């Protein structure tokens, strides 16, 4: 069964279609569902006895699946029109089709707005806006548009090169890409264990107490006051590169940029507090309290995984700075003392944190002798463990089913 799910002014519109994208002859009329009833209807259709789960067809998985997961509904299969459309538009197997030739002029995203995959996260619930648009906004993609898009994609798939099972391989790729979108939503919903109290403790130790919204932390403000005195600029704003460059030039510090390596070539007494300010400012803006409020909730760090977010087709992520490679975030340089519970084993079976254990000498030694397997994690010494602790040190809860049906 193929079910097309589209936005509607009063909730959602659901329609059963054929594999080719045409309305099903048994149930040609769409069904309107209110937003409050959507989760219950989807759960009932997904758990029908003695019948295979339907394949849900929608514009973008991130628009529907997170809300369903929050309501306790897990799906088995889907078809992401946005992701599959990008593959069909630029694949060599479908380059001769009408769909690929029109790919440059047709897009599921509104050209007047940024791509939906790159839009900023929603503001906090207690944050208002000066110019809220209280008027009702109609959905951008209706049922008819999505049905036509799905039919066009299926027509392009049918016209793909049939030799050497290339058509079936492309069909499998589309199913795998849509399954990846579901896995990404489930990973975001599950999240990574995160110690909010430890994160706030680190911030307070480096920046001072949490400041009011729109104000600098105490240690940043103290460094700013010191810089204003050393550079003879009472109104200096170090966060402005233009103001900072003018203040440096007025004091004989002839630099072409405010990069660290160029500033360190000067022996002026203002360089040391300036470098300290830039380092703490980076921590405050990249992984400070605003980041914590936006991406951590109820002890879980929930970054957004963007499937196909790179030109090569690899995934990208938003807000995953603290769990990237060494040196990419100021939070990486912080060392938390080890405890008895973390001095014998790696930090966790967390894929976001496991890279740190792989960089230890003991891992390399065991890897060379092939004695380390995922089934039996190696042990680390108490001397190595302090470098492995982080706010995400609790056991990782694996995301649900990764073996999606094609």
Protein backbone atom coordinates (compact mmCIF):
# COMPACT_ATOMS: atom_id res chain seq x y z
CA UNK A 1 0.00 0.00 0.00
CA UNK A 2 1.26 3.46 -0.94
CA UNK A 3 -0.11 6.35 1.14
CA UNK A 4 0.54 9.95 0.19
CA UNK A 5 0.66 12.34 3.16
CA UNK A 6 0.47 16.07 2.46
CA UNK A 7 -0.14 19.22 4.46
CA UNK A 8 -3.64 20.66 4.59
CA UNK A 9 -5.10 23.86 5.97
CA UNK A 10 -6.82 21.93 8.78
CA UNK A 11 -4.17 19.28 9.42
CA UNK A 12 -3.17 16.67 6.84
CA UNK A 13 -4.53 15.03 3.71
CA UNK A 14 -4.08 11.29 3.20
CA UNK A 15 -4.61 9.49 -0.10
CA UNK A 16 -3.90 5.98 -1.28
CA UNK A 17 -2.10 5.85 -4.62
CA UNK A 18 -0.74 3.18 -6.91
CA UNK A 19 2.95 2.48 -7.28
CA UNK A 20 2.95 4.64 -10.42
CA UNK A 21 1.55 7.60 -8.49
CA UNK A 22 -2.08 7.64 -9.64
CA UNK A 23 -5.08 7.60 -7.26
CA UNK A 24 -5.99 4.07 -6.26
CA UNK A 25 -9.18 2.94 -8.00
CA UNK A 26 -10.63 1.47 -4.79
CA UNK A 27 -10.13 4.68 -2.76
CA UNK A 28 -9.62 7.58 -5.15
CA UNK A 29 -10.79 10.34 -2.79
CA UNK A 30 -8.37 11.83 -0.24
CA UNK A 31 -9.06 11.71 3.47
CA UNK A 32 -8.73 14.83 5.61
CA UNK A 33 -7.30 14.33 9.08
CA UNK A 34 -6.96 16.88 11.83
CA UNK A 35 -3.58 17.46 13.44
CA UNK A 36 -4.72 15.92 16.73
CA UNK A 37 -5.93 12.72 15.05
CA UNK A 38 -2.96 12.20 12.74
CA UNK A 39 -0.80 10.15 15.11
CA UNK A 40 -3.66 7.78 15.96
CA UNK A 41 -4.59 7.25 12.31
CA UNK A 42 -0.99 6.57 11.32
CA UNK A 43 -0.53 4.12 14.20
CA UNK A 44 -3.65 2.20 13.21
CA UNK A 45 -2.55 1.96 9.56
CA UNK A 46 0.95 0.95 10.51
CA UNK A 47 -0.16 -1.88 12.84
CA UNK A 48 -2.84 -3.55 10.75
CA UNK A 49 -3.00 -7.29 11.47
CA UNK A 50 -1.90 -9.71 8.74
CA UNK A 51 -1.01 -6.88 6.35
CA UNK A 52 2.31 -5.32 5.42
CA UNK A 53 2.94 -1.77 6.66
CA UNK A 54 2.29 0.92 4.06
CA UNK A 55 4.96 3.00 2.39
CA UNK A 56 4.43 6.62 3.39
CA UNK A 57 5.09 9.16 0.65
CA UNK A 58 5.78 12.72 1.71
CA UNK A 59 7.71 15.77 0.70
CA UNK A 60 10.30 15.65 3.45
CA UNK A 61 10.72 13.18 6.29
CA UNK A 62 11.82 15.88 8.73
CA UNK A 63 8.42 17.59 8.33
CA UNK A 64 6.38 14.62 9.56
CA UNK A 65 8.36 11.89 11.26
CA UNK A 66 9.72 13.80 14.31
CA UNK A 67 6.18 14.70 15.41
CA UNK A 68 5.06 11.10 14.95
CA UNK A 69 8.02 9.84 16.97
CA UNK A 70 7.17 12.29 19.74
CA UNK A 71 3.67 10.77 19.79
CA UNK A 72 5.14 7.26 20.09
CA UNK A 73 4.55 6.18 16.47
CA UNK A 74 7.33 4.39 14.59
CA UNK A 75 7.08 3.70 10.88
CA UNK A 76 8.54 0.91 8.79
CA UNK A 77 8.95 2.44 5.31
CA UNK A 78 8.69 5.77 3.56
CA UNK A 79 9.50 7.54 0.31
CA UNK A 80 11.13 10.95 0.68
CA UNK A 81 10.29 12.98 -2.43
CA UNK A 82 12.96 15.59 -1.78
CA UNK A 83 15.86 13.15 -1.37
CA UNK A 84 14.75 10.82 -4.15
CA UNK A 85 14.16 13.76 -6.47
CA UNK A 86 17.77 14.91 -6.05
CA UNK A 87 19.05 11.45 -6.95
CA UNK A 88 16.84 11.11 -10.02
CA UNK A 89 17.66 14.62 -11.19
CA UNK A 90 21.43 14.13 -11.23
CA UNK A 91 21.86 10.40 -11.81
CA UNK A 92 23.46 9.30 -15.08
CA UNK A 93 20.88 6.52 -15.35
CA UNK A 94 18.05 9.07 -15.65
CA UNK A 95 19.89 11.91 -17.38
CA UNK A 96 17.91 11.33 -20.58
CA UNK A 97 14.49 11.55 -18.88
CA UNK A 98 12.14 14.50 -18.88
CA UNK A 99 12.37 14.71 -15.11
CA UNK A 100 16.15 15.26 -15.20
CA UNK A 101 15.89 17.88 -17.96
CA UNK A 102 13.41 19.90 -15.88
CA UNK A 103 15.31 19.49 -12.61
CA UNK A 104 16.98 22.91 -12.88
CA UNK A 105 13.66 24.74 -13.02
CA UNK A 106 11.58 22.68 -10.59
CA UNK A 107 12.13 22.48 -6.86
CA UNK A 108 10.08 21.37 -3.89
CA UNK A 109 11.53 24.22 -1.82
CA UNK A 110 10.16 27.73 -1.97
CA UNK A 111 12.71 29.78 -3.97
CA UNK A 112 11.83 32.87 -1.93
CA UNK A 113 13.03 31.24 1.31
CA UNK A 114 16.21 29.42 2.37
CA UNK A 115 16.27 25.64 1.79
CA UNK A 116 14.28 23.90 4.50
CA UNK A 117 17.24 21.71 5.39
CA UNK A 118 19.22 24.86 6.30
CA UNK A 119 16.59 26.84 8.19
CA UNK A 120 17.48 27.80 11.77
CA UNK A 121 16.05 25.88 14.73
CA UNK A 122 12.77 27.06 16.22
CA UNK A 123 13.07 29.76 18.90
CA UNK A 124 12.51 28.91 22.57
CA UNK A 125 8.92 28.73 23.76
CA UNK A 126 9.32 31.80 25.99
CA UNK A 127 10.88 33.96 23.27
CA UNK A 128 8.53 36.40 21.57
CA UNK A 129 8.93 38.40 18.38
CA UNK A 130 8.23 42.00 17.53
CA UNK A 131 6.54 41.31 14.19
CA UNK A 132 4.75 37.96 14.58
CA UNK A 133 2.65 37.02 11.58
CA UNK A 134 -0.59 35.85 13.13
CA UNK A 135 -2.31 35.34 9.81
CA UNK A 136 -3.02 31.81 8.69
CA UNK A 137 -0.43 30.47 6.27
CA UNK A 138 -1.48 28.00 3.61
CA UNK A 139 0.73 24.92 3.16
CA UNK A 140 3.35 25.27 0.46
CA UNK A 141 2.82 21.81 -1.06
CA UNK A 142 -0.64 20.35 -1.44
CA UNK A 143 -1.78 16.84 -2.20
CA UNK A 144 -2.06 17.36 -5.96
CA UNK A 145 1.47 18.80 -6.26
CA UNK A 146 3.05 15.97 -4.30
CA UNK A 147 1.11 13.33 -6.23
CA UNK A 148 2.27 14.85 -9.52
CA UNK A 149 5.87 14.94 -8.23
CA UNK A 150 5.73 11.29 -7.15
CA UNK A 151 4.25 10.24 -10.51
CA UNK A 152 6.99 12.13 -12.36
CA UNK A 153 9.68 10.44 -10.29
CA UNK A 154 8.21 7.00 -10.90
CA UNK A 155 8.05 7.74 -14.62
CA UNK A 156 11.72 8.72 -14.59
CA UNK A 157 12.56 5.54 -12.71
CA UNK A 158 10.65 3.47 -15.27
CA UNK A 159 12.63 5.12 -18.08
CA UNK A 160 15.98 4.44 -16.45
CA UNK A 161 18.55 2.36 -18.27
CA UNK A 162 17.39 -1.28 -17.98
CA UNK A 163 20.71 -2.99 -18.71
CA UNK A 164 22.56 -4.83 -15.93
CA UNK A 165 19.68 -4.33 -13.49
CA UNK A 166 20.55 -0.64 -13.21
CA UNK A 167 16.91 0.24 -12.77
CA UNK A 168 16.57 -2.08 -9.78
CA UNK A 169 19.81 -0.77 -8.33
CA UNK A 170 18.52 2.78 -8.61
CA UNK A 171 15.23 1.76 -7.03
CA UNK A 172 17.13 0.18 -4.14
CA UNK A 173 19.15 3.36 -3.73
CA UNK A 174 15.98 5.44 -3.46
CA UNK A 175 14.61 3.09 -0.81
CA UNK A 176 17.88 3.22 1.11
CA UNK A 177 18.01 7.02 0.96
CA UNK A 178 14.45 7.27 2.30
CA UNK A 179 15.28 4.75 5.03
CA UNK A 180 18.28 6.89 5.95
CA UNK A 181 15.99 9.87 6.41
CA UNK A 182 13.89 7.85 8.86
CA UNK A 183 16.97 6.68 10.73
CA UNK A 184 18.23 10.26 10.96
CA UNK A 185 14.91 11.39 12.46
CA UNK A 186 15.00 8.49 14.94
CA UNK A 187 18.58 9.31 15.93
CA UNK A 188 17.59 12.91 16.52
CA UNK A 189 14.57 11.85 18.55
CA UNK A 190 16.60 9.39 20.64
CA UNK A 191 19.47 11.82 21.12
CA UNK A 192 22.78 11.35 22.86
CA UNK A 193 23.07 11.32 26.67
CA UNK A 194 24.26 14.70 27.83
CA UNK A 195 25.13 16.00 31.29
CA UNK A 196 23.47 19.42 31.40
CA UNK A 197 24.76 20.06 34.91
CA UNK A 198 28.31 19.24 33.83
CA UNK A 199 27.99 21.44 30.77
CA UNK A 200 26.80 24.37 32.87
CA UNK A 201 29.58 23.69 35.36
CA UNK A 202 32.16 23.91 32.56
CA UNK A 203 30.64 27.13 31.26
CA UNK A 204 30.54 28.67 34.71
CA UNK A 205 34.17 27.73 35.33
CA UNK A 206 35.39 29.33 32.12
CA UNK A 207 32.92 32.19 31.63
CA UNK A 208 31.42 32.90 35.01
CA UNK A 209 27.75 32.77 36.07
CA UNK A 210 25.08 32.67 33.40
CA UNK A 211 24.41 36.26 32.27
CA UNK A 212 21.04 37.75 31.34
CA UNK A 213 20.02 37.42 27.73
CA UNK A 214 21.96 39.81 25.50
CA UNK A 215 24.79 40.43 28.01
CA UNK A 216 28.36 39.16 28.12
CA UNK A 217 29.45 36.74 30.83
CA UNK A 218 31.42 38.19 33.71
CA UNK A 219 34.86 36.99 32.59
CA UNK A 220 34.31 38.20 29.03
CA UNK A 221 33.21 41.59 30.33
CA UNK A 222 36.29 41.81 32.55
CA UNK A 223 38.56 41.06 29.58
CA UNK A 224 36.66 43.61 27.51
CA UNK A 225 37.23 46.27 30.16
CA UNK A 226 40.94 45.43 30.24
CA UNK A 227 41.18 45.65 26.46
CA UNK A 228 39.48 49.04 26.39
CA UNK A 229 42.06 50.35 28.81
CA UNK A 230 45.09 48.87 27.06
CA UNK A 231 43.94 50.04 23.62
CA UNK A 232 42.65 53.44 24.82
CA UNK A 233 39.24 52.75 23.29
CA UNK A 234 36.46 53.29 25.87
CA UNK A 235 33.73 52.15 23.50
CA UNK A 236 35.53 49.15 21.96
CA UNK A 237 33.47 46.14 20.98
CA UNK A 238 35.92 43.23 20.50
CA UNK A 239 33.22 41.21 18.74
CA UNK A 240 33.33 43.67 15.83
CA UNK A 241 36.32 42.94 13.55
CA UNK A 242 36.17 46.44 12.06
CA UNK A 243 36.28 48.21 15.43
CA UNK A 244 38.98 45.88 16.69
CA UNK A 245 41.18 46.44 13.62
CA UNK A 246 40.89 50.23 13.95
CA UNK A 247 41.77 50.07 17.64
CA UNK A 248 44.80 47.86 16.94
CA UNK A 249 46.07 50.16 14.19
CA UNK A 250 45.67 53.24 16.39
CA UNK A 251 47.99 51.59 18.91
CA UNK A 252 50.66 50.68 16.39
CA UNK A 253 49.69 47.03 15.97
CA UNK A 254 49.86 46.72 12.20
CA UNK A 255 48.04 43.49 11.41
CA UNK A 256 45.97 42.60 8.37
CA UNK A 257 43.51 40.37 10.24
CA UNK A 258 42.58 39.33 13.74
CA UNK A 259 43.71 35.73 13.33
CA UNK A 260 45.59 34.23 16.23
CA UNK A 261 48.84 33.47 14.38
CA UNK A 262 49.12 37.05 13.16
CA UNK A 263 48.27 38.62 16.51
CA UNK A 264 50.89 36.51 18.28
CA UNK A 265 53.63 38.17 16.20
CA UNK A 266 53.09 41.38 18.18
CA UNK A 267 54.47 41.96 21.67
CA UNK A 268 51.85 44.54 22.67
CA UNK A 269 50.41 43.91 26.18
CA UNK A 270 46.88 43.88 24.78
CA UNK A 271 47.50 40.74 22.70
CA UNK A 272 47.29 38.26 25.59
CA UNK A 273 43.89 39.44 26.91
CA UNK A 274 42.63 39.74 23.33
CA UNK A 275 43.50 36.11 22.55
CA UNK A 276 41.91 35.03 25.82
CA UNK A 277 38.78 37.00 24.95
CA UNK A 278 38.55 35.44 21.48
CA UNK A 279 38.88 31.93 22.90
CA UNK A 280 36.20 32.42 25.55
CA UNK A 281 33.96 34.25 23.10
CA UNK A 282 34.14 31.30 20.75
CA UNK A 283 33.08 28.99 23.58
CA UNK A 284 30.23 31.31 24.54
CA UNK A 285 28.84 31.66 21.00
CA UNK A 286 29.39 28.10 19.76
CA UNK A 287 28.53 25.99 22.81
CA UNK A 288 27.25 28.38 25.43
CA UNK A 289 23.93 28.61 27.22
CA UNK A 290 22.01 29.48 24.05
CA UNK A 291 23.32 26.32 22.38
CA UNK A 292 22.42 24.30 25.46
CA UNK A 293 18.86 25.62 25.48
CA UNK A 294 18.38 24.97 21.76
CA UNK A 295 19.78 21.45 21.41
CA UNK A 296 19.70 19.75 24.82
CA UNK A 297 16.48 18.74 26.54
CA UNK A 298 15.83 16.34 29.43
CA UNK A 299 19.40 15.10 29.49
CA UNK A 300 19.57 14.31 25.76
CA UNK A 301 21.62 16.09 23.12
CA UNK A 302 19.50 16.03 19.96
CA UNK A 303 21.40 17.32 16.90
CA UNK A 304 19.69 17.33 13.53
CA UNK A 305 21.15 14.98 10.95
CA UNK A 306 20.81 16.21 7.36
CA UNK A 307 20.70 13.28 4.94
CA UNK A 308 22.45 14.08 1.67
CA UNK A 309 23.62 17.38 3.07
CA UNK A 310 26.95 17.21 1.22
CA UNK A 311 27.52 17.23 -2.53
CA UNK A 312 29.02 13.74 -2.35
CA UNK A 313 25.82 12.42 -0.76
CA UNK A 314 27.20 12.11 2.76
CA UNK A 315 25.25 13.18 5.81
CA UNK A 316 25.71 16.51 7.50
CA UNK A 317 24.59 17.68 10.91
CA UNK A 318 23.56 20.78 12.76
CA UNK A 319 24.62 21.61 16.32
CA UNK A 320 26.99 18.63 16.46
CA UNK A 321 30.10 20.74 17.06
CA UNK A 322 30.98 19.31 20.51
CA UNK A 323 31.06 15.77 19.06
CA UNK A 324 33.31 16.46 16.09
CA UNK A 325 37.01 15.97 15.71
CA UNK A 326 39.58 17.27 18.15
CA UNK A 327 40.19 21.01 18.03
CA UNK A 328 36.98 21.96 16.23
CA UNK A 329 35.32 23.23 19.39
CA UNK A 330 36.57 25.03 22.46
CA UNK A 331 34.61 22.55 24.55
CA UNK A 332 36.97 19.81 23.31
CA UNK A 333 39.93 21.23 25.22
CA UNK A 334 38.26 20.85 28.61
CA UNK A 335 39.42 17.94 30.75
CA UNK A 336 37.12 16.53 33.40
CA UNK A 337 38.70 14.40 36.17
CA UNK A 338 37.92 10.71 35.94
CA UNK A 339 35.78 8.86 38.45
CA UNK A 340 35.82 5.22 39.47
CA UNK A 341 33.03 4.42 37.03
CA UNK A 342 34.97 5.70 34.02
CA UNK A 343 38.53 4.64 34.80
CA UNK A 344 38.22 1.11 33.47
CA UNK A 345 36.22 1.35 30.27
CA UNK A 346 35.90 3.76 27.36
CA UNK A 347 33.47 6.65 27.84
CA UNK A 348 30.52 4.80 26.30
CA UNK A 349 29.41 2.98 23.19
CA UNK A 350 28.47 6.34 21.81
CA UNK A 351 29.42 6.68 18.12
CA UNK A 352 29.79 10.44 18.60
CA UNK A 353 32.40 9.98 21.35
CA UNK A 354 34.08 6.72 20.38
CA UNK A 355 36.63 8.48 18.17
CA UNK A 356 38.46 9.75 21.28
CA UNK A 357 39.11 6.25 22.54
CA UNK A 358 40.45 5.23 19.12
CA UNK A 359 43.08 7.96 19.41
CA UNK A 360 44.61 6.59 22.61
CA UNK A 361 47.89 4.66 22.42
CA UNK A 362 46.31 1.62 24.05
CA UNK A 363 43.70 1.41 21.30
CA UNK A 364 46.40 1.49 18.61
CA UNK A 365 48.35 -1.23 20.37
CA UNK A 366 45.34 -3.50 20.74
CA UNK A 367 44.21 -2.72 17.20
CA UNK A 368 47.59 -3.78 15.87
CA UNK A 369 47.35 -7.15 17.65
CA UNK A 370 43.65 -7.52 16.65
CA UNK A 371 42.54 -8.25 20.21
CA UNK A 372 39.91 -5.51 20.36
CA UNK A 373 36.43 -6.26 19.04
CA UNK A 374 33.15 -4.38 19.42
CA UNK A 375 31.82 -7.28 21.46
CA UNK A 376 34.51 -6.85 24.13
CA UNK A 377 35.58 -3.22 24.59
CA UNK A 378 39.16 -2.73 25.78
CA UNK A 379 39.97 -1.23 29.13
CA UNK A 380 41.88 1.94 29.71
CA UNK A 381 44.08 2.95 32.57
CA UNK A 382 43.30 5.62 35.10
CA UNK A 383 45.97 7.81 33.49
CA UNK A 384 44.22 7.72 30.12
CA UNK A 385 40.65 7.99 31.35
CA UNK A 386 40.71 11.70 32.34
CA UNK A 387 41.12 12.59 28.65
CA UNK A 388 38.04 10.58 27.73
CA UNK A 389 35.37 12.11 29.93
CA UNK A 390 32.83 14.46 28.38
CA UNK A 391 29.28 15.68 29.03
CA UNK A 392 28.07 12.80 26.86
CA UNK A 393 29.47 10.04 29.06
CA UNK A 394 26.31 8.07 29.80
CA UNK A 395 25.50 4.86 27.89
CA UNK A 396 24.27 5.50 24.39
CA UNK A 397 20.80 4.29 23.45
CA UNK A 398 20.98 2.92 19.93
CA UNK A 399 18.39 4.27 17.48
CA UNK A 400 15.58 1.94 16.46
CA UNK A 401 15.65 -0.45 13.54
CA UNK A 402 18.34 0.24 10.97
CA UNK A 403 17.32 -2.57 8.61
CA UNK A 404 14.57 -0.94 6.67
CA UNK A 405 12.73 -2.89 4.02
CA UNK A 406 13.29 -1.90 0.44
